[in-house]
Amino acid sequence: MTDQQYPPPPSPGRPTPPPADQDVWPAHAWYHSWFVILLVLVCCGPVGLFLLWSSPYPRGWKIAVSIGAVAVFAIAFATAVPTSGTLPQSP
């Protein structure tokens, strides 16, 4: 048997690219769907960024979503109302 008949299996989470004569990617893992990646980005940013960068999506989208997520978290952090360590005094 030749290697052309039995290509190596894809590694987990990273499907092999389609053959040159096909333009269809194989199905990806459920945790690499856009819904799950965006949900995890909102709930736990660093894990969402890891899922995003380990997904098979194009690099341009990964860069754009990463910059957007970091910008949203930076704006949220910068506009957060600081809390003091004391309770308000009653009159």
PDB file of N, CA and C in Angstrom:
ATOM      1  N   MET A   1       0.830  -1.176   0.000  1.00  0.00           N
ATOM      2  CA  MET A   1       0.000   0.000   0.000  1.00  0.00           C
ATOM      3  C   MET A   1       0.882   1.250   0.000  1.00  0.00           C
ATOM      4  N   THR A   2       0.402   2.284  -0.623  1.00  0.00           N
ATOM      5  CA  THR A   2       1.174   3.525  -0.674  1.00  0.00           C
ATOM      6  C   THR A   2       0.614   4.532   0.318  1.00  0.00           C
ATOM      7  N   ASP A   3       1.384   5.565   0.579  1.00  0.00           N
ATOM      8  CA  ASP A   3       0.942   6.606   1.495  1.00  0.00           C
ATOM      9  C   ASP A   3      -0.226   7.405   0.919  1.00  0.00           C
ATOM     10  N   GLN A   4      -0.368   7.436  -0.385  1.00  0.00           N
ATOM     11  CA  GLN A   4      -1.463   8.163  -1.006  1.00  0.00           C
ATOM     12  C   GLN A   4      -2.812   7.517  -0.682  1.00  0.00           C
ATOM     13  N   GLN A   5      -2.823   6.216  -0.494  1.00  0.00           N
ATOM     14  CA  GLN A   5      -4.076   5.532  -0.197  1.00  0.00           C
ATOM     15  C   GLN A   5      -4.488   5.720   1.258  1.00  0.00           C
ATOM     16  N   TYR A   6      -3.522   5.862   2.151  1.00  0.00           N
ATOM     17  CA  TYR A   6      -3.801   5.983   3.568  1.00  0.00           C
ATOM     18  C   TYR A   6      -3.102   7.217   4.126  1.00  0.00           C
ATOM     19  N   PRO A   7      -3.732   8.395   4.000  1.00  0.00           N
ATOM     20  CA  PRO A   7      -3.095   9.590   4.561  1.00  0.00           C
ATOM     21  C   PRO A   7      -3.127   9.532   6.086  1.00  0.00           C
ATOM     22  N   PRO A   8      -2.245  10.250   6.757  1.00  0.00           N
ATOM     23  CA  PRO A   8      -2.240  10.214   8.221  1.00  0.00           C
ATOM     24  C   PRO A   8      -3.525  10.826   8.770  1.00  0.00           C
ATOM     25  N   PRO A   9      -3.998  10.325   9.910  1.00  0.00           N
ATOM     26  CA  PRO A   9      -5.225  10.883  10.491  1.00  0.00           C
ATOM     27  C   PRO A   9      -4.952  12.285  11.024  1.00  0.00           C
ATOM     28  N   PRO A  10      -5.992  13.131  11.076  1.00  0.00           N
ATOM     29  CA  PRO A  10      -5.783  14.484  11.613  1.00  0.00           C
ATOM     30  C   PRO A  10      -5.535  14.436  13.110  1.00  0.00           C
ATOM     31  N   SER A  11      -4.749  15.389  13.594  1.00  0.00           N
ATOM     32  CA  SER A  11      -4.533  15.473  15.028  1.00  0.00           C
ATOM     33  C   SER A  11      -5.784  16.076  15.665  1.00  0.00           C
ATOM     34  N   PRO A  12      -6.006  15.832  16.953  1.00  0.00           N
ATOM     35  CA  PRO A  12      -7.222  16.332  17.601  1.00  0.00           C
ATOM     36  C   PRO A  12      -7.317  17.851  17.522  1.00  0.00           C
ATOM     37  N   GLY A  13      -8.449  18.339  17.073  1.00  0.00           N
ATOM     38  CA  GLY A  13      -8.688  19.767  17.014  1.00  0.00           C
ATOM     39  C   GLY A  13      -8.089  20.461  15.803  1.00  0.00           C
ATOM     40  N   ARG A  14      -7.264  19.800  15.042  1.00  0.00           N
ATOM     41  CA  ARG A  14      -6.635  20.406  13.870  1.00  0.00           C
ATOM     42  C   ARG A  14      -6.819  19.478  12.675  1.00  0.00           C
ATOM     43  N   PRO A  15      -7.892  19.676  11.922  1.00  0.00           N
ATOM     44  CA  PRO A  15      -8.105  18.805  10.765  1.00  0.00           C
ATOM     45  C   PRO A  15      -7.060  19.060   9.682  1.00  0.00           C
ATOM     46  N   THR A  16      -6.799  18.038   8.922  1.00  0.00           N
ATOM     47  CA  THR A  16      -5.862  18.195   7.814  1.00  0.00           C
ATOM     48  C   THR A  16      -6.528  19.006   6.713  1.00  0.00           C
ATOM     49  N   PRO A  17      -5.765  19.786   5.958  1.00  0.00           N
ATOM     50  CA  PRO A  17      -6.382  20.569   4.879  1.00  0.00           C
ATOM     51  C   PRO A  17      -6.942  19.661   3.802  1.00  0.00           C
ATOM     52  N   PRO A  18      -7.913  20.154   3.062  1.00  0.00           N
ATOM     53  CA  PRO A  18      -8.504  19.322   2.015  1.00  0.00           C
ATOM     54  C   PRO A  18      -7.507  19.108   0.884  1.00  0.00           C
ATOM     55  N   PRO A  19      -7.690  18.048   0.123  1.00  0.00           N
ATOM     56  CA  PRO A  19      -6.835  17.844  -1.048  1.00  0.00           C
ATOM     57  C   PRO A  19      -6.971  19.022  -2.011  1.00  0.00           C
ATOM     58  N   ALA A  20      -6.000  19.196  -2.866  1.00  0.00           N
ATOM     59  CA  ALA A  20      -5.959  20.345  -3.769  1.00  0.00           C
ATOM     60  C   ALA A  20      -7.172  20.395  -4.695  1.00  0.00           C
ATOM     61  N   ASP A  21      -7.734  19.244  -5.024  1.00  0.00           N
ATOM     62  CA  ASP A  21      -8.868  19.248  -5.956  1.00  0.00           C
ATOM     63  C   ASP A  21     -10.211  19.473  -5.248  1.00  0.00           C
ATOM     64  N   GLN A  22     -10.211  19.567  -3.916  1.00  0.00           N
ATOM     65  CA  GLN A  22     -11.444  19.809  -3.163  1.00  0.00           C
ATOM     66  C   GLN A  22     -11.310  21.117  -2.400  1.00  0.00           C
ATOM     67  N   ASP A  23     -12.425  21.786  -2.167  1.00  0.00           N
ATOM     68  CA  ASP A  23     -12.405  23.037  -1.432  1.00  0.00           C
ATOM     69  C   ASP A  23     -13.297  22.939  -0.196  1.00  0.00           C
ATOM     70  N   VAL A  24     -13.363  21.772   0.404  1.00  0.00           N
ATOM     71  CA  VAL A  24     -14.222  21.548   1.547  1.00  0.00           C
ATOM     72  C   VAL A  24     -13.379  21.053   2.712  1.00  0.00           C
ATOM     73  N   TRP A  25     -13.469  21.739   3.829  1.00  0.00           N
ATOM     74  CA  TRP A  25     -12.753  21.303   5.033  1.00  0.00           C
ATOM     75  C   TRP A  25     -13.567  20.236   5.752  1.00  0.00           C
ATOM     76  N   PRO A  26     -12.917  19.314   6.421  1.00  0.00           N
ATOM     77  CA  PRO A  26     -13.669  18.343   7.214  1.00  0.00           C
ATOM     78  C   PRO A  26     -14.295  19.029   8.425  1.00  0.00           C
ATOM     79  N   ALA A  27     -15.258  18.376   9.028  1.00  0.00           N
ATOM     80  CA  ALA A  27     -15.929  18.941  10.196  1.00  0.00           C
ATOM     81  C   ALA A  27     -14.928  19.156  11.325  1.00  0.00           C
ATOM     82  N   HIS A  28     -15.152  20.209  12.104  1.00  0.00           N
ATOM     83  CA  HIS A  28     -14.260  20.484  13.220  1.00  0.00           C
ATOM     84  C   HIS A  28     -14.963  20.150  14.529  1.00  0.00           C
ATOM     85  N   ALA A  29     -14.196  20.154  15.610  1.00  0.00           N
ATOM     86  CA  ALA A  29     -14.735  19.789  16.913  1.00  0.00           C
ATOM     87  C   ALA A  29     -15.782  20.806  17.366  1.00  0.00           C
ATOM     88  N   TRP A  30     -16.703  20.377  18.206  1.00  0.00           N
ATOM     89  CA  TRP A  30     -17.791  21.248  18.666  1.00  0.00           C
ATOM     90  C   TRP A  30     -17.261  22.471  19.383  1.00  0.00           C
ATOM     91  N   TYR A  31     -16.154  22.336  20.092  1.00  0.00           N
ATOM     92  CA  TYR A  31     -15.619  23.460  20.858  1.00  0.00           C
ATOM     93  C   TYR A  31     -14.894  24.471  19.970  1.00  0.00           C
ATOM     94  N   HIS A  32     -14.804  24.215  18.681  1.00  0.00           N
ATOM     95  CA  HIS A  32     -14.248  25.181  17.748  1.00  0.00           C
ATOM     96  C   HIS A  32     -15.326  25.877  16.924  1.00  0.00           C
ATOM     97  N   SER A  33     -16.583  25.750  17.341  1.00  0.00           N
ATOM     98  CA  SER A  33     -17.647  26.488  16.655  1.00  0.00           C
ATOM     99  C   SER A  33     -17.607  27.939  17.130  1.00  0.00           C
ATOM    100  N   TRP A  34     -18.066  28.864  16.272  1.00  0.00           N
ATOM    101  CA  TRP A  34     -18.020  30.279  16.621  1.00  0.00           C
ATOM    102  C   TRP A  34     -18.840  30.574  17.864  1.00  0.00           C
ATOM    103  N   PHE A  35     -19.976  29.914  18.022  1.00  0.00           N
ATOM    104  CA  PHE A  35     -20.823  30.155  19.190  1.00  0.00           C
ATOM    105  C   PHE A  35     -20.078  29.832  20.480  1.00  0.00           C
ATOM    106  N   VAL A  36     -19.434  28.683  20.529  1.00  0.00           N
ATOM    107  CA  VAL A  36     -18.722  28.266  21.740  1.00  0.00           C
ATOM    108  C   VAL A  36     -17.523  29.178  21.992  1.00  0.00           C
ATOM    109  N   ILE A  37     -16.778  29.515  20.949  1.00  0.00           N
ATOM    110  CA  ILE A  37     -15.601  30.371  21.119  1.00  0.00           C
ATOM    111  C   ILE A  37     -16.017  31.737  21.657  1.00  0.00           C
ATOM    112  N   LEU A  38     -17.068  32.353  21.095  1.00  0.00           N
ATOM    113  CA  LEU A  38     -17.515  33.657  21.579  1.00  0.00           C
ATOM    114  C   LEU A  38     -18.073  33.582  22.995  1.00  0.00           C
ATOM    115  N   LEU A  39     -18.795  32.509  23.308  1.00  0.00           N
ATOM    116  CA  LEU A  39     -19.326  32.331  24.656  1.00  0.00           C
ATOM    117  C   LEU A  39     -18.192  32.219  25.673  1.00  0.00           C
ATOM    118  N   VAL A  40     -17.173  31.441  25.362  1.00  0.00           N
ATOM    119  CA  VAL A  40     -16.044  31.277  26.276  1.00  0.00           C
ATOM    120  C   VAL A  40     -15.221  32.562  26.348  1.00  0.00           C
ATOM    121  N   LEU A  41     -15.118  33.304  25.252  1.00  0.00           N
ATOM    122  CA  LEU A  41     -14.427  34.598  25.289  1.00  0.00           C
ATOM    123  C   LEU A  41     -15.099  35.543  26.281  1.00  0.00           C
ATOM    124  N   VAL A  42     -16.426  35.541  26.315  1.00  0.00           N
ATOM    125  CA  VAL A  42     -17.145  36.415  27.233  1.00  0.00           C
ATOM    126  C   VAL A  42     -17.007  35.934  28.670  1.00  0.00           C
ATOM    127  N   CYS A  43     -17.080  34.637  28.885  1.00  0.00           N
ATOM    128  CA  CYS A  43     -17.035  34.088  30.247  1.00  0.00           C
ATOM    129  C   CYS A  43     -15.618  34.018  30.809  1.00  0.00           C
ATOM    130  N   CYS A  44     -14.674  33.640  30.007  1.00  0.00           N
ATOM    131  CA  CYS A  44     -13.287  33.467  30.472  1.00  0.00           C
ATOM    132  C   CYS A  44     -12.360  33.761  29.300  1.00  0.00           C
ATOM    133  N   GLY A  45     -11.954  35.024  29.184  1.00  0.00           N
ATOM    134  CA  GLY A  45     -11.191  35.516  28.047  1.00  0.00           C
ATOM    135  C   GLY A  45      -9.993  34.693  27.621  1.00  0.00           C
ATOM    136  N   PRO A  46      -9.056  34.377  28.534  1.00  0.00           N
ATOM    137  CA  PRO A  46      -7.857  33.644  28.107  1.00  0.00           C
ATOM    138  C   PRO A  46      -8.156  32.267  27.502  1.00  0.00           C
ATOM    139  N   VAL A  47      -9.130  31.566  28.067  1.00  0.00           N
ATOM    140  CA  VAL A  47      -9.488  30.251  27.519  1.00  0.00           C
ATOM    141  C   VAL A  47     -10.125  30.420  26.146  1.00  0.00           C
ATOM    142  N   GLY A  48     -10.949  31.453  25.992  1.00  0.00           N
ATOM    143  CA  GLY A  48     -11.564  31.726  24.697  1.00  0.00           C
ATOM    144  C   GLY A  48     -10.529  32.063  23.638  1.00  0.00           C
ATOM    145  N   LEU A  49      -9.501  32.837  24.013  1.00  0.00           N
ATOM    146  CA  LEU A  49      -8.431  33.147  23.062  1.00  0.00           C
ATOM    147  C   LEU A  49      -7.666  31.888  22.669  1.00  0.00           C
ATOM    148  N   PHE A  50      -7.438  31.002  23.634  1.00  0.00           N
ATOM    149  CA  PHE A  50      -6.763  29.737  23.306  1.00  0.00           C
ATOM    150  C   PHE A  50      -7.596  28.913  22.331  1.00  0.00           C
ATOM    151  N   LEU A  51      -8.900  28.807  22.597  1.00  0.00           N
ATOM    152  CA  LEU A  51      -9.775  28.059  21.684  1.00  0.00           C
ATOM    153  C   LEU A  51      -9.786  28.693  20.300  1.00  0.00           C
ATOM    154  N   LEU A  52      -9.822  30.025  20.273  1.00  0.00           N
ATOM    155  CA  LEU A  52      -9.831  30.727  18.989  1.00  0.00           C
ATOM    156  C   LEU A  52      -8.571  30.415  18.197  1.00  0.00           C
ATOM    157  N   TRP A  53      -7.414  30.505  18.833  1.00  0.00           N
ATOM    158  CA  TRP A  53      -6.157  30.315  18.108  1.00  0.00           C
ATOM    159  C   TRP A  53      -5.858  28.851  17.799  1.00  0.00           C
ATOM    160  N   SER A  54      -6.526  27.918  18.468  1.00  0.00           N
ATOM    161  CA  SER A  54      -6.331  26.508  18.129  1.00  0.00           C
ATOM    162  C   SER A  54      -7.357  26.019  17.112  1.00  0.00           C
ATOM    163  N   SER A  55      -8.280  26.896  16.698  1.00  0.00           N
ATOM    164  CA  SER A  55      -9.316  26.517  15.740  1.00  0.00           C
ATOM    165  C   SER A  55      -8.781  26.574  14.305  1.00  0.00           C
ATOM    166  N   PRO A  56      -9.496  25.935  13.373  1.00  0.00           N
ATOM    167  CA  PRO A  56      -9.034  25.913  11.975  1.00  0.00           C
ATOM    168  C   PRO A  56      -9.460  27.129  11.161  1.00  0.00           C
ATOM    169  N   TYR A  57      -9.960  28.188  11.790  1.00  0.00           N
ATOM    170  CA  TYR A  57     -10.430  29.362  11.059  1.00  0.00           C
ATOM    171  C   TYR A  57      -9.259  30.171  10.511  1.00  0.00           C
ATOM    172  N   PRO A  58      -9.504  31.021   9.517  1.00  0.00           N
ATOM    173  CA  PRO A  58      -8.424  31.803   8.901  1.00  0.00           C
ATOM    174  C   PRO A  58      -7.750  32.749   9.905  1.00  0.00           C
ATOM    175  N   ARG A  59      -6.478  32.981   9.690  1.00  0.00           N
ATOM    176  CA  ARG A  59      -5.669  33.779  10.610  1.00  0.00           C
ATOM    177  C   ARG A  59      -6.175  35.219  10.722  1.00  0.00           C
ATOM    178  N   GLY A  60      -6.655  35.782   9.627  1.00  0.00           N
ATOM    179  CA  GLY A  60      -7.175  37.144   9.660  1.00  0.00           C
ATOM    180  C   GLY A  60      -8.335  37.298  10.633  1.00  0.00           C
ATOM    181  N   TRP A  61      -9.247  36.322  10.643  1.00  0.00           N
ATOM    182  CA  TRP A  61     -10.364  36.353  11.587  1.00  0.00           C
ATOM    183  C   TRP A  61      -9.872  36.220  13.013  1.00  0.00           C
ATOM    184  N   LYS A  62      -8.889  35.372  13.225  1.00  0.00           N
ATOM    185  CA  LYS A  62      -8.359  35.185  14.577  1.00  0.00           C
ATOM    186  C   LYS A  62      -7.759  36.481  15.105  1.00  0.00           C
ATOM    187  N   ILE A  63      -7.013  37.184  14.249  1.00  0.00           N
ATOM    188  CA  ILE A  63      -6.400  38.448  14.658  1.00  0.00           C
ATOM    189  C   ILE A  63      -7.483  39.486  14.962  1.00  0.00           C
ATOM    190  N   ALA A  64      -8.471  39.595  14.096  1.00  0.00           N
ATOM    191  CA  ALA A  64      -9.539  40.583  14.284  1.00  0.00           C
ATOM    192  C   ALA A  64     -10.331  40.317  15.564  1.00  0.00           C
ATOM    193  N   VAL A  65     -10.701  39.075  15.806  1.00  0.00           N
ATOM    194  CA  VAL A  65     -11.478  38.744  17.003  1.00  0.00           C
ATOM    195  C   VAL A  65     -10.628  38.943  18.252  1.00  0.00           C
ATOM    196  N   SER A  66      -9.341  38.608  18.193  1.00  0.00           N
ATOM    197  CA  SER A  66      -8.454  38.800  19.345  1.00  0.00           C
ATOM    198  C   SER A  66      -8.331  40.283  19.690  1.00  0.00           C
ATOM    199  N   ILE A  67      -8.113  41.121  18.690  1.00  0.00           N
ATOM    200  CA  ILE A  67      -7.994  42.567  18.937  1.00  0.00           C
ATOM    201  C   ILE A  67      -9.316  43.111  19.495  1.00  0.00           C
ATOM    202  N   GLY A  68     -10.429  42.673  18.937  1.00  0.00           N
ATOM    203  CA  GLY A  68     -11.729  43.116  19.434  1.00  0.00           C
ATOM    204  C   GLY A  68     -11.974  42.702  20.874  1.00  0.00           C
ATOM    205  N   ALA A  69     -11.649  41.464  21.216  1.00  0.00           N
ATOM    206  CA  ALA A  69     -11.857  40.978  22.578  1.00  0.00           C
ATOM    207  C   ALA A  69     -10.979  41.728  23.569  1.00  0.00           C
ATOM    208  N   VAL A  70      -9.720  41.940  23.213  1.00  0.00           N
ATOM    209  CA  VAL A  70      -8.811  42.670  24.107  1.00  0.00           C
ATOM    210  C   VAL A  70      -9.293  44.111  24.273  1.00  0.00           C
ATOM    211  N   ALA A  71      -9.774  44.727  23.202  1.00  0.00           N
ATOM    212  CA  ALA A  71     -10.274  46.102  23.289  1.00  0.00           C
ATOM    213  C   ALA A  71     -11.504  46.183  24.200  1.00  0.00           C
ATOM    214  N   VAL A  72     -12.425  45.247  24.067  1.00  0.00           N
ATOM    215  CA  VAL A  72     -13.624  45.248  24.912  1.00  0.00           C
ATOM    216  C   VAL A  72     -13.242  45.080  26.374  1.00  0.00           C
ATOM    217  N   PHE A  73     -12.331  44.150  26.682  1.00  0.00           N
ATOM    218  CA  PHE A  73     -11.914  43.946  28.067  1.00  0.00           C
ATOM    219  C   PHE A  73     -11.150  45.155  28.600  1.00  0.00           C
ATOM    220  N   ALA A  74     -10.345  45.804  27.766  1.00  0.00           N
ATOM    221  CA  ALA A  74      -9.602  46.990  28.200  1.00  0.00           C
ATOM    222  C   ALA A  74     -10.560  48.146  28.498  1.00  0.00           C
ATOM    223  N   ILE A  75     -11.564  48.345  27.649  1.00  0.00           N
ATOM    224  CA  ILE A  75     -12.540  49.404  27.884  1.00  0.00           C
ATOM    225  C   ILE A  75     -13.350  49.115  29.148  1.00  0.00           C
ATOM    226  N   ALA A  76     -13.755  47.874  29.331  1.00  0.00           N
ATOM    227  CA  ALA A  76     -14.514  47.502  30.527  1.00  0.00           C
ATOM    228  C   ALA A  76     -13.676  47.712  31.785  1.00  0.00           C
ATOM    229  N   PHE A  77     -12.411  47.375  31.723  1.00  0.00           N
ATOM    230  CA  PHE A  77     -11.527  47.537  32.879  1.00  0.00           C
ATOM    231  C   PHE A  77     -11.276  49.015  33.164  1.00  0.00           C
ATOM    232  N   ALA A  78     -11.107  49.811  32.116  1.00  0.00           N
ATOM    233  CA  ALA A  78     -10.803  51.234  32.287  1.00  0.00           C
ATOM    234  C   ALA A  78     -12.003  52.019  32.797  1.00  0.00           C
ATOM    235  N   THR A  79     -13.204  51.598  32.467  1.00  0.00           N
ATOM    236  CA  THR A  79     -14.395  52.338  32.877  1.00  0.00           C
ATOM    237  C   THR A  79     -15.052  51.770  34.121  1.00  0.00           C
ATOM    238  N   ALA A  80     -14.454  50.764  34.728  1.00  0.00           N
ATOM    239  CA  ALA A  80     -15.023  50.181  35.942  1.00  0.00           C
ATOM    240  C   ALA A  80     -14.989  51.212  37.063  1.00  0.00           C
ATOM    241  N   VAL A  81     -16.045  51.240  37.853  1.00  0.00           N
ATOM    242  CA  VAL A  81     -16.123  52.183  38.960  1.00  0.00           C
ATOM    243  C   VAL A  81     -15.292  51.635  40.107  1.00  0.00           C
ATOM    244  N   PRO A  82     -14.304  52.399  40.556  1.00  0.00           N
ATOM    245  CA  PRO A  82     -13.491  51.903  41.671  1.00  0.00           C
ATOM    246  C   PRO A  82     -14.319  51.884  42.959  1.00  0.00           C
ATOM    247  N   THR A  83     -14.073  50.900  43.768  1.00  0.00           N
ATOM    248  CA  THR A  83     -14.773  50.803  45.041  1.00  0.00           C
ATOM    249  C   THR A  83     -13.784  51.098  46.155  1.00  0.00           C
ATOM    250  N   SER A  84     -14.251  51.799  47.148  1.00  0.00           N
ATOM    251  CA  SER A  84     -13.390  52.087  48.291  1.00  0.00           C
ATOM    252  C   SER A  84     -13.553  50.969  49.321  1.00  0.00           C
ATOM    253  N   GLY A  85     -12.641  50.907  50.214  1.00  0.00           N
ATOM    254  CA  GLY A  85     -12.664  49.839  51.215  1.00  0.00           C
ATOM    255  C   GLY A  85     -13.556  50.149  52.400  1.00  0.00           C
ATOM    256  N   THR A  86     -14.219  51.307  52.413  1.00  0.00           N
ATOM    257  CA  THR A  86     -15.061  51.669  53.557  1.00  0.00           C
ATOM    258  C   THR A  86     -16.515  51.714  53.127  1.00  0.00           C
ATOM    259  N   LEU A  87     -17.372  51.500  54.080  1.00  0.00           N
ATOM    260  CA  LEU A  87     -18.808  51.594  53.849  1.00  0.00           C
ATOM    261  C   LEU A  87     -19.245  53.041  54.046  1.00  0.00           C
ATOM    262  N   PRO A  88     -20.288  53.467  53.363  1.00  0.00           N
ATOM    263  CA  PRO A  88     -20.774  54.846  53.575  1.00  0.00           C
ATOM    264  C   PRO A  88     -21.271  55.038  55.006  1.00  0.00           C
ATOM    265  N   GLN A  89     -21.037  56.215  55.534  1.00  0.00           N
ATOM    266  CA  GLN A  89     -21.466  56.537  56.896  1.00  0.00           C
ATOM    267  C   GLN A  89     -22.929  56.951  56.894  1.00  0.00           C
ATOM    268  N   SER A  90     -23.678  56.468  57.839  1.00  0.00           N
ATOM    269  CA  SER A  90     -25.082  56.866  57.940  1.00  0.00           C
ATOM    270  C   SER A  90     -25.169  58.174  58.714  1.00  0.00           C
ATOM    271  N   PRO A  91     -26.137  59.043  58.388  1.00  0.00           N
ATOM    272  CA  PRO A  91     -26.223  60.360  59.056  1.00  0.00           C
ATOM    273  C   PRO A  91     -26.723  60.304  60.459  1.00  0.00           C
TER     274      PRO A  91
END
